[in-house]
Full PDB file with SEQRES, HELIX, SHEET, SSBOND, CRYST1, ORIGX, SCALE, CONECT and MASTER records, all heavy atoms in Angstrom:
SEQRES   1 A   40  ILE SER GLY SER GLY SER ALA SER VAL THR LYS ALA GLY          
SEQRES   2 A   40  ASP SER LEU THR VAL THR ILE TYR LEU THR PRO ILE GLY          
SEQRES   3 A   40  SER VAL THR VAL TYR VAL ARG ASP LYS ALA THR ASN ALA          
SEQRES   4 A   40  LEU                                                          
CRYST1    1.000    1.000    1.000  90.00  90.00  90.00 P 1           1          
ORIGX1      1.000000  0.000000  0.000000        0.00000                         
ORIGX2      0.000000  1.000000  0.000000        0.00000                         
ORIGX3      0.000000  0.000000  1.000000        0.00000                         
SCALE1      1.000000  0.000000  0.000000        0.00000                         
SCALE2      0.000000  1.000000  0.000000        0.00000                         
SCALE3      0.000000  0.000000  1.000000        0.00000                         
ATOM      1  N   ILE A   1       0.900  -1.162  -0.030  1.00  0.00           N  
ATOM      2  CA  ILE A   1       0.000   0.012   0.016  1.00  0.00           C  
ATOM      3  C   ILE A   1       0.892   1.205  -0.029  1.00  0.00           C  
ATOM      4  O   ILE A   1       1.862   1.269   0.754  1.00  0.00           O  
ATOM      5  CB  ILE A   1      -0.913   0.039   1.226  1.00  0.00           C  
ATOM      6  CG1 ILE A   1      -1.846  -1.165   1.236  1.00  0.00           C  
ATOM      7  CG2 ILE A   1      -1.708   1.331   1.281  1.00  0.00           C  
ATOM      8  CD1 ILE A   1      -2.674  -1.300   2.471  1.00  0.00           C  
ATOM      9  N   SER A   2       0.644   2.176  -0.833  1.00  0.00           N  
ATOM     10  CA  SER A   2       1.447   3.424  -0.945  1.00  0.00           C  
ATOM     11  C   SER A   2       1.458   4.138   0.381  1.00  0.00           C  
ATOM     12  O   SER A   2       0.493   4.037   1.179  1.00  0.00           O  
ATOM     13  CB  SER A   2       0.956   4.363  -2.061  1.00  0.00           C  
ATOM     14  OG  SER A   2       0.981   3.681  -3.266  1.00  0.00           O  
ATOM     15  N   GLY A   3       2.563   4.893   0.623  1.00  0.00           N  
ATOM     16  CA  GLY A   3       2.688   5.663   1.820  1.00  0.00           C  
ATOM     17  C   GLY A   3       3.205   7.019   1.525  1.00  0.00           C  
ATOM     18  O   GLY A   3       3.621   7.306   0.413  1.00  0.00           O  
ATOM     19  N   SER A   4       3.199   7.901   2.510  1.00  0.00           N  
ATOM     20  CA  SER A   4       3.630   9.262   2.287  1.00  0.00           C  
ATOM     21  C   SER A   4       4.338   9.842   3.533  1.00  0.00           C  
ATOM     22  O   SER A   4       4.179   9.322   4.649  1.00  0.00           O  
ATOM     23  CB  SER A   4       2.502  10.212   1.902  1.00  0.00           C  
ATOM     24  OG  SER A   4       1.523  10.218   2.926  1.00  0.00           O  
ATOM     25  N   GLY A   5       5.035  10.911   3.365  1.00  0.00           N  
ATOM     26  CA  GLY A   5       5.763  11.600   4.480  1.00  0.00           C  
ATOM     27  C   GLY A   5       6.194  12.950   3.977  1.00  0.00           C  
ATOM     28  O   GLY A   5       6.036  13.273   2.790  1.00  0.00           O  
ATOM     29  N   SER A   6       6.651  13.799   4.907  1.00  0.00           N  
ATOM     30  CA  SER A   6       7.026  15.158   4.545  1.00  0.00           C  
ATOM     31  C   SER A   6       8.190  15.575   5.336  1.00  0.00           C  
ATOM     32  O   SER A   6       8.530  15.015   6.410  1.00  0.00           O  
ATOM     33  CB  SER A   6       5.833  16.112   4.777  1.00  0.00           C  
ATOM     34  OG  SER A   6       5.464  16.157   6.134  1.00  0.00           O  
ATOM     35  N   ALA A   7       8.936  16.569   4.808  1.00  0.00           N  
ATOM     36  CA  ALA A   7      10.071  17.126   5.426  1.00  0.00           C  
ATOM     37  C   ALA A   7      10.132  18.648   5.179  1.00  0.00           C  
ATOM     38  O   ALA A   7       9.682  19.095   4.079  1.00  0.00           O  
ATOM     39  CB  ALA A   7      11.371  16.437   4.991  1.00  0.00           C  
ATOM     40  N   SER A   8      10.633  19.406   6.089  1.00  0.00           N  
ATOM     41  CA  SER A   8      10.695  20.899   5.944  1.00  0.00           C  
ATOM     42  C   SER A   8      12.139  21.336   5.918  1.00  0.00           C  
ATOM     43  O   SER A   8      12.908  21.099   6.876  1.00  0.00           O  
ATOM     44  CB  SER A   8       9.885  21.588   7.036  1.00  0.00           C  
ATOM     45  OG  SER A   8       8.532  21.243   6.957  1.00  0.00           O  
ATOM     46  N   VAL A   9      12.569  22.070   4.885  1.00  0.00           N  
ATOM     47  CA  VAL A   9      13.794  22.749   4.861  1.00  0.00           C  
ATOM     48  C   VAL A   9      13.636  24.127   5.415  1.00  0.00           C  
ATOM     49  O   VAL A   9      12.816  24.953   4.966  1.00  0.00           O  
ATOM     50  CB  VAL A   9      14.327  22.844   3.411  1.00  0.00           C  
ATOM     51  CG1 VAL A   9      15.656  23.609   3.366  1.00  0.00           C  
ATOM     52  CG2 VAL A   9      14.486  21.521   2.778  1.00  0.00           C  
ATOM     53  N   THR A  10      14.372  24.451   6.548  1.00  0.00           N  
ATOM     54  CA  THR A  10      14.186  25.706   7.301  1.00  0.00           C  
ATOM     55  C   THR A  10      15.312  26.647   7.120  1.00  0.00           C  
ATOM     56  O   THR A  10      15.127  27.912   7.413  1.00  0.00           O  
ATOM     57  CB  THR A  10      13.961  25.414   8.764  1.00  0.00           C  
ATOM     58  OG1 THR A  10      15.140  24.764   9.282  1.00  0.00           O  
ATOM     59  CG2 THR A  10      12.681  24.593   8.953  1.00  0.00           C  
ATOM     60  N   LYS A  11      16.473  26.172   6.696  1.00  0.00           N  
ATOM     61  CA  LYS A  11      17.592  27.083   6.579  1.00  0.00           C  
ATOM     62  C   LYS A  11      18.595  26.496   5.619  1.00  0.00           C  
ATOM     63  O   LYS A  11      18.564  25.325   5.259  1.00  0.00           O  
ATOM     64  CB  LYS A  11      18.267  27.279   7.956  1.00  0.00           C  
ATOM     65  CG  LYS A  11      18.845  26.039   8.582  1.00  0.00           C  
ATOM     66  CD  LYS A  11      19.412  26.307   9.911  1.00  0.00           C  
ATOM     67  CE  LYS A  11      20.104  25.063  10.596  1.00  0.00           C  
ATOM     68  NZ  LYS A  11      19.136  23.984  10.748  1.00  0.00           N  
ATOM     69  N   ALA A  12      19.542  27.296   5.171  1.00  0.00           N  
ATOM     70  CA  ALA A  12      20.586  26.870   4.254  1.00  0.00           C  
ATOM     71  C   ALA A  12      21.430  25.745   4.865  1.00  0.00           C  
ATOM     72  O   ALA A  12      21.715  25.782   6.053  1.00  0.00           O  
ATOM     73  CB  ALA A  12      21.536  28.045   3.916  1.00  0.00           C  
ATOM     74  N   GLY A  13      21.621  24.724   4.095  1.00  0.00           N  
ATOM     75  CA  GLY A  13      22.507  23.582   4.536  1.00  0.00           C  
ATOM     76  C   GLY A  13      21.745  22.542   5.245  1.00  0.00           C  
ATOM     77  O   GLY A  13      22.321  21.538   5.708  1.00  0.00           O  
ATOM     78  N   ASP A  14      20.428  22.679   5.455  1.00  0.00           N  
ATOM     79  CA  ASP A  14      19.567  21.587   6.084  1.00  0.00           C  
ATOM     80  C   ASP A  14      19.807  20.281   5.333  1.00  0.00           C  
ATOM     81  O   ASP A  14      19.779  20.249   4.057  1.00  0.00           O  
ATOM     82  CB  ASP A  14      18.126  21.974   6.062  1.00  0.00           C  
ATOM     83  CG  ASP A  14      17.682  22.562   7.387  1.00  0.00           C  
ATOM     84  OD1 ASP A  14      18.517  22.611   8.312  1.00  0.00           O  
ATOM     85  OD2 ASP A  14      16.537  23.046   7.461  1.00  0.00           O  
ATOM     86  N   SER A  15      20.044  19.254   6.055  1.00  0.00           N  
ATOM     87  CA  SER A  15      20.048  17.886   5.472  1.00  0.00           C  
ATOM     88  C   SER A  15      19.161  17.008   6.276  1.00  0.00           C  
ATOM     89  O   SER A  15      19.466  16.627   7.408  1.00  0.00           O  
ATOM     90  CB  SER A  15      21.562  17.368   5.559  1.00  0.00           C  
ATOM     91  OG  SER A  15      21.589  16.071   5.022  1.00  0.00           O  
ATOM     92  N   LEU A  16      18.018  16.744   5.658  1.00  0.00           N  
ATOM     93  CA  LEU A  16      16.937  16.046   6.427  1.00  0.00           C  
ATOM     94  C   LEU A  16      16.678  14.672   5.906  1.00  0.00           C  
ATOM     95  O   LEU A  16      17.061  14.317   4.748  1.00  0.00           O  
ATOM     96  CB  LEU A  16      15.614  16.897   6.247  1.00  0.00           C  
ATOM     97  CG  LEU A  16      15.725  18.358   6.673  1.00  0.00           C  
ATOM     98  CD1 LEU A  16      14.461  19.075   6.287  1.00  0.00           C  
ATOM     99  CD2 LEU A  16      16.020  18.494   8.172  1.00  0.00           C  
ATOM    100  N   THR A  17      16.062  13.840   6.727  1.00  0.00           N  
ATOM    101  CA  THR A  17      15.610  12.518   6.299  1.00  0.00           C  
ATOM    102  C   THR A  17      14.164  12.364   6.661  1.00  0.00           C  
ATOM    103  O   THR A  17      13.648  12.983   7.596  1.00  0.00           O  
ATOM    104  CB  THR A  17      16.400  11.406   7.001  1.00  0.00           C  
ATOM    105  OG1 THR A  17      16.213  11.492   8.403  1.00  0.00           O  
ATOM    106  CG2 THR A  17      17.904  11.541   6.673  1.00  0.00           C  
ATOM    107  N   VAL A  18      13.458  11.567   5.896  1.00  0.00           N  
ATOM    108  CA  VAL A  18      12.073  11.254   6.165  1.00  0.00           C  
ATOM    109  C   VAL A  18      11.898   9.749   5.908  1.00  0.00           C  
ATOM    110  O   VAL A  18      12.468   9.225   4.912  1.00  0.00           O  
ATOM    111  CB  VAL A  18      11.122  12.108   5.321  1.00  0.00           C  
ATOM    112  CG1 VAL A  18      11.336  11.892   3.842  1.00  0.00           C  
ATOM    113  CG2 VAL A  18       9.663  11.752   5.717  1.00  0.00           C  
ATOM    114  N   THR A  19      11.193   9.063   6.757  1.00  0.00           N  
ATOM    115  CA  THR A  19      10.905   7.644   6.610  1.00  0.00           C  
ATOM    116  C   THR A  19       9.481   7.417   6.185  1.00  0.00           C  
ATOM    117  O   THR A  19       8.600   7.956   6.897  1.00  0.00           O  
ATOM    118  CB  THR A  19      11.230   6.887   7.900  1.00  0.00           C  
ATOM    119  OG1 THR A  19      12.657   7.053   8.224  1.00  0.00           O  
ATOM    120  CG2 THR A  19      10.989   5.342   7.662  1.00  0.00           C  
ATOM    121  N   ILE A  20       9.264   6.655   5.155  1.00  0.00           N  
ATOM    122  CA  ILE A  20       7.925   6.345   4.715  1.00  0.00           C  
ATOM    123  C   ILE A  20       7.732   4.779   4.871  1.00  0.00           C  
ATOM    124  O   ILE A  20       8.570   4.046   4.417  1.00  0.00           O  
ATOM    125  CB  ILE A  20       7.737   6.716   3.236  1.00  0.00           C  
ATOM    126  CG1 ILE A  20       7.929   8.238   3.030  1.00  0.00           C  
ATOM    127  CG2 ILE A  20       6.358   6.285   2.693  1.00  0.00           C  
ATOM    128  CD1 ILE A  20       7.823   8.673   1.591  1.00  0.00           C  
ATOM    129  N   TYR A  21       6.705   4.455   5.548  1.00  0.00           N  
ATOM    130  CA  TYR A  21       6.401   3.032   5.761  1.00  0.00           C  
ATOM    131  C   TYR A  21       5.340   2.574   4.765  1.00  0.00           C  
ATOM    132  O   TYR A  21       4.318   3.153   4.621  1.00  0.00           O  
ATOM    133  CB  TYR A  21       5.851   2.819   7.198  1.00  0.00           C  
ATOM    134  CG  TYR A  21       6.941   3.022   8.304  1.00  0.00           C  
ATOM    135  CD1 TYR A  21       7.059   4.317   8.888  1.00  0.00           C  
ATOM    136  CD2 TYR A  21       7.796   2.049   8.595  1.00  0.00           C  
ATOM    137  CE1 TYR A  21       8.019   4.544   9.867  1.00  0.00           C  
ATOM    138  CE2 TYR A  21       8.780   2.285   9.595  1.00  0.00           C  
ATOM    139  CZ  TYR A  21       8.928   3.507  10.189  1.00  0.00           C  
ATOM    140  OH  TYR A  21       9.850   3.797  11.145  1.00  0.00           O  
ATOM    141  N   LEU A  22       5.703   1.421   4.096  1.00  0.00           N  
ATOM    142  CA  LEU A  22       4.750   0.815   3.149  1.00  0.00           C  
ATOM    143  C   LEU A  22       4.212  -0.462   3.770  1.00  0.00           C  
ATOM    144  O   LEU A  22       4.971  -1.268   4.316  1.00  0.00           O  
ATOM    145  CB  LEU A  22       5.462   0.507   1.847  1.00  0.00           C  
ATOM    146  CG  LEU A  22       6.082   1.703   1.065  1.00  0.00           C  
ATOM    147  CD1 LEU A  22       6.653   1.171  -0.317  1.00  0.00           C  
ATOM    148  CD2 LEU A  22       5.074   2.810   0.857  1.00  0.00           C  
ATOM    149  N   THR A  23       2.911  -0.608   3.680  1.00  0.00           N  
ATOM    150  CA  THR A  23       2.283  -1.809   4.217  1.00  0.00           C  
ATOM    151  C   THR A  23       2.209  -2.911   3.167  1.00  0.00           C  
ATOM    152  O   THR A  23       1.663  -2.741   2.126  1.00  0.00           O  
ATOM    153  CB  THR A  23       0.861  -1.522   4.678  1.00  0.00           C  
ATOM    154  OG1 THR A  23       0.875  -0.463   5.646  1.00  0.00           O  
ATOM    155  CG2 THR A  23       0.162  -2.746   5.300  1.00  0.00           C  
ATOM    156  N   PRO A  24       2.830  -4.106   3.512  1.00  0.00           N  
ATOM    157  CA  PRO A  24       2.829  -5.180   2.516  1.00  0.00           C  
ATOM    158  C   PRO A  24       1.438  -5.739   2.355  1.00  0.00           C  
ATOM    159  O   PRO A  24       0.685  -5.920   3.320  1.00  0.00           O  
ATOM    160  CB  PRO A  24       3.756  -6.241   3.109  1.00  0.00           C  
ATOM    161  CG  PRO A  24       3.787  -5.938   4.612  1.00  0.00           C  
ATOM    162  CD  PRO A  24       3.602  -4.408   4.726  1.00  0.00           C  
ATOM    163  N   ILE A  25       1.080  -6.101   1.107  1.00  0.00           N  
ATOM    164  CA  ILE A  25      -0.204  -6.660   0.811  1.00  0.00           C  
ATOM    165  C   ILE A  25      -0.070  -7.812  -0.193  1.00  0.00           C  
ATOM    166  O   ILE A  25       0.931  -7.991  -0.833  1.00  0.00           O  
ATOM    167  CB  ILE A  25      -1.195  -5.585   0.255  1.00  0.00           C  
ATOM    168  CG1 ILE A  25      -0.571  -4.916  -0.997  1.00  0.00           C  
ATOM    169  CG2 ILE A  25      -1.595  -4.563   1.257  1.00  0.00           C  
ATOM    170  CD1 ILE A  25      -1.529  -4.013  -1.699  1.00  0.00           C  
ATOM    171  N   GLY A  26      -1.131  -8.559  -0.247  1.00  0.00           N  
ATOM    172  CA  GLY A  26      -1.192  -9.667  -1.239  1.00  0.00           C  
ATOM    173  C   GLY A  26      -2.622  -9.944  -1.643  1.00  0.00           C  
ATOM    174  O   GLY A  26      -3.556  -9.132  -1.369  1.00  0.00           O  
ATOM    175  N   SER A  27      -2.868 -11.066  -2.280  1.00  0.00           N  
ATOM    176  CA  SER A  27      -4.247 -11.376  -2.698  1.00  0.00           C  
ATOM    177  C   SER A  27      -4.512 -12.867  -2.474  1.00  0.00           C  
ATOM    178  O   SER A  27      -3.617 -13.702  -2.341  1.00  0.00           O  
ATOM    179  CB  SER A  27      -4.426 -11.040  -4.197  1.00  0.00           C  
ATOM    180  OG  SER A  27      -3.634 -11.956  -4.991  1.00  0.00           O  
ATOM    181  N   VAL A  28      -5.813 -13.156  -2.315  1.00  0.00           N  
ATOM    182  CA  VAL A  28      -6.248 -14.578  -2.120  1.00  0.00           C  
ATOM    183  C   VAL A  28      -7.288 -14.859  -3.242  1.00  0.00           C  
ATOM    184  O   VAL A  28      -8.241 -14.115  -3.379  1.00  0.00           O  
ATOM    185  CB  VAL A  28      -6.870 -14.815  -0.737  1.00  0.00           C  
ATOM    186  CG1 VAL A  28      -7.440 -16.239  -0.662  1.00  0.00           C  
ATOM    187  CG2 VAL A  28      -5.803 -14.568   0.310  1.00  0.00           C  
ATOM    188  N   THR A  29      -7.103 -15.945  -3.980  1.00  0.00           N  
ATOM    189  CA  THR A  29      -8.090 -16.430  -4.887  1.00  0.00           C  
ATOM    190  C   THR A  29      -8.776 -17.614  -4.250  1.00  0.00           C  
ATOM    191  O   THR A  29      -8.104 -18.633  -3.916  1.00  0.00           O  
ATOM    192  CB  THR A  29      -7.459 -16.808  -6.243  1.00  0.00           C  
ATOM    193  OG1 THR A  29      -6.941 -15.622  -6.830  1.00  0.00           O  
ATOM    194  CG2 THR A  29      -8.536 -17.363  -7.208  1.00  0.00           C  
ATOM    195  N   VAL A  30     -10.109 -17.588  -4.128  1.00  0.00           N  
ATOM    196  CA  VAL A  30     -10.879 -18.645  -3.503  1.00  0.00           C  
ATOM    197  C   VAL A  30     -11.496 -19.460  -4.712  1.00  0.00           C  
ATOM    198  O   VAL A  30     -12.170 -18.942  -5.548  1.00  0.00           O  
ATOM    199  CB  VAL A  30     -12.000 -18.101  -2.660  1.00  0.00           C  
ATOM    200  CG1 VAL A  30     -12.810 -19.258  -2.050  1.00  0.00           C  
ATOM    201  CG2 VAL A  30     -11.426 -17.191  -1.544  1.00  0.00           C  
ATOM    202  N   TYR A  31     -11.195 -20.768  -4.623  1.00  0.00           N  
ATOM    203  CA  TYR A  31     -11.789 -21.724  -5.561  1.00  0.00           C  
ATOM    204  C   TYR A  31     -12.870 -22.451  -4.815  1.00  0.00           C  
ATOM    205  O   TYR A  31     -12.699 -22.978  -3.700  1.00  0.00           O  
ATOM    206  CB  TYR A  31     -10.755 -22.737  -6.039  1.00  0.00           C  
ATOM    207  CG  TYR A  31      -9.712 -22.176  -6.984  1.00  0.00           C  
ATOM    208  CD1 TYR A  31      -8.585 -21.522  -6.408  1.00  0.00           C  
ATOM    209  CD2 TYR A  31      -9.804 -22.228  -8.370  1.00  0.00           C  
ATOM    210  CE1 TYR A  31      -7.595 -21.006  -7.259  1.00  0.00           C  
ATOM    211  CE2 TYR A  31      -8.852 -21.665  -9.165  1.00  0.00           C  
ATOM    212  CZ  TYR A  31      -7.725 -21.086  -8.629  1.00  0.00           C  
ATOM    213  OH  TYR A  31      -6.755 -20.527  -9.486  1.00  0.00           O  
ATOM    214  N   VAL A  32     -14.059 -22.593  -5.431  1.00  0.00           N  
ATOM    215  CA  VAL A  32     -15.162 -23.331  -4.811  1.00  0.00           C  
ATOM    216  C   VAL A  32     -15.442 -24.561  -5.712  1.00  0.00           C  
ATOM    217  O   VAL A  32     -15.699 -24.395  -6.923  1.00  0.00           O  
ATOM    218  CB  VAL A  32     -16.413 -22.444  -4.658  1.00  0.00           C  
ATOM    219  CG1 VAL A  32     -17.548 -23.311  -4.022  1.00  0.00           C  
ATOM    220  CG2 VAL A  32     -16.109 -21.226  -3.849  1.00  0.00           C  
ATOM    221  N   ARG A  33     -15.396 -25.716  -5.095  1.00  0.00           N  
ATOM    222  CA  ARG A  33     -15.540 -26.989  -5.844  1.00  0.00           C  
ATOM    223  C   ARG A  33     -16.637 -27.892  -5.224  1.00  0.00           C  
ATOM    224  O   ARG A  33     -16.860 -27.892  -4.016  1.00  0.00           O  
ATOM    225  CB  ARG A  33     -14.230 -27.773  -5.913  1.00  0.00           C  
ATOM    226  CG  ARG A  33     -13.209 -27.087  -6.751  1.00  0.00           C  
ATOM    227  CD  ARG A  33     -11.862 -27.915  -6.785  1.00  0.00           C  
ATOM    228  NE  ARG A  33     -10.856 -27.348  -7.639  1.00  0.00           N  
ATOM    229  CZ  ARG A  33     -10.732 -27.525  -8.923  1.00  0.00           C  
ATOM    230  NH1 ARG A  33     -11.632 -28.330  -9.576  1.00  0.00           N  
ATOM    231  NH2 ARG A  33      -9.752 -26.968  -9.634  1.00  0.00           N  
ATOM    232  N   ASP A  34     -17.246 -28.725  -6.120  1.00  0.00           N  
ATOM    233  CA  ASP A  34     -18.175 -29.746  -5.652  1.00  0.00           C  
ATOM    234  C   ASP A  34     -17.384 -30.893  -5.050  1.00  0.00           C  
ATOM    235  O   ASP A  34     -16.503 -31.450  -5.702  1.00  0.00           O  
ATOM    236  CB  ASP A  34     -18.967 -30.208  -6.884  1.00  0.00           C  
ATOM    237  CG  ASP A  34     -20.037 -31.247  -6.572  1.00  0.00           C  
ATOM    238  OD1 ASP A  34     -19.740 -32.276  -5.888  1.00  0.00           O  
ATOM    239  OD2 ASP A  34     -21.215 -31.004  -7.021  1.00  0.00           O  
ATOM    240  N   LYS A  35     -17.636 -31.186  -3.820  1.00  0.00           N  
ATOM    241  CA  LYS A  35     -16.865 -32.228  -3.111  1.00  0.00           C  
ATOM    242  C   LYS A  35     -16.988 -33.612  -3.758  1.00  0.00           C  
ATOM    243  O   LYS A  35     -16.075 -34.401  -3.680  1.00  0.00           O  
ATOM    244  CB  LYS A  35     -17.239 -32.292  -1.648  1.00  0.00           C  
ATOM    245  CG  LYS A  35     -16.333 -33.186  -0.802  1.00  0.00           C  
ATOM    246  CD  LYS A  35     -16.705 -33.164   0.687  1.00  0.00           C  
ATOM    247  CE  LYS A  35     -15.761 -33.956   1.491  1.00  0.00           C  
ATOM    248  NZ  LYS A  35     -16.073 -33.860   2.934  1.00  0.00           N  
ATOM    249  N   ALA A  36     -18.161 -33.876  -4.404  1.00  0.00           N  
ATOM    250  CA  ALA A  36     -18.371 -35.128  -4.987  1.00  0.00           C  
ATOM    251  C   ALA A  36     -17.703 -35.326  -6.343  1.00  0.00           C  
ATOM    252  O   ALA A  36     -17.135 -36.395  -6.652  1.00  0.00           O  
ATOM    253  CB  ALA A  36     -19.890 -35.400  -5.142  1.00  0.00           C  
ATOM    254  N   THR A  37     -17.694 -34.239  -7.130  1.00  0.00           N  
ATOM    255  CA  THR A  37     -17.203 -34.372  -8.534  1.00  0.00           C  
ATOM    256  C   THR A  37     -15.905 -33.604  -8.786  1.00  0.00           C  
ATOM    257  O   THR A  37     -15.273 -33.748  -9.759  1.00  0.00           O  
ATOM    258  CB  THR A  37     -18.206 -33.842  -9.529  1.00  0.00           C  
ATOM    259  OG1 THR A  37     -18.424 -32.455  -9.318  1.00  0.00           O  
ATOM    260  CG2 THR A  37     -19.544 -34.525  -9.331  1.00  0.00           C  
ATOM    261  N   ASN A  38     -15.541 -32.682  -7.761  1.00  0.00           N  
ATOM    262  CA  ASN A  38     -14.367 -31.805  -7.896  1.00  0.00           C  
ATOM    263  C   ASN A  38     -14.545 -30.701  -8.934  1.00  0.00           C  
ATOM    264  O   ASN A  38     -13.623 -29.949  -9.179  1.00  0.00           O  
ATOM    265  CB  ASN A  38     -13.128 -32.564  -8.167  1.00  0.00           C  
ATOM    266  CG  ASN A  38     -11.851 -31.857  -7.716  1.00  0.00           C  
ATOM    267  OD1 ASN A  38     -11.861 -31.279  -6.644  1.00  0.00           O  
ATOM    268  ND2 ASN A  38     -10.781 -31.787  -8.541  1.00  0.00           N  
ATOM    269  N   ALA A  39     -15.751 -30.625  -9.498  1.00  0.00           N  
ATOM    270  CA  ALA A  39     -16.039 -29.557 -10.524  1.00  0.00           C  
ATOM    271  C   ALA A  39     -16.097 -28.207  -9.807  1.00  0.00           C  
ATOM    272  O   ALA A  39     -16.555 -28.057  -8.687  1.00  0.00           O  
ATOM    273  CB  ALA A  39     -17.344 -29.878 -11.231  1.00  0.00           C  
ATOM    274  N   LEU A  40     -15.564 -27.190 -10.480  1.00  0.00           N  
ATOM    275  CA  LEU A  40     -15.667 -25.811 -10.018  1.00  0.00           C  
ATOM    276  C   LEU A  40     -17.056 -25.348 -10.079  1.00  0.00           C  
ATOM    277  O   LEU A  40     -17.831 -25.652 -11.008  1.00  0.00           O  
ATOM    278  CB  LEU A  40     -14.751 -24.910 -10.793  1.00  0.00           C  
ATOM    279  CG  LEU A  40     -13.243 -25.117 -10.522  1.00  0.00           C  
ATOM    280  CD1 LEU A  40     -12.437 -24.559 -11.693  1.00  0.00           C  
ATOM    281  CD2 LEU A  40     -12.875 -24.433  -9.247  1.00  0.00           C  
TER     282      LEU A  40                                                      
MASTER        0    0    0    0    0    0    0    6  281    1    0    4          
END                                                                             
């Protein structure tokens, strides 16, 4: 999942870091079958 963050430069020579956390995601495909025949 996309993430965001921000940083502010306040004076000359500022060297800043910002950490953005991304949430891992996946997908599940559900198959439904007839128990007797195995047909979808």
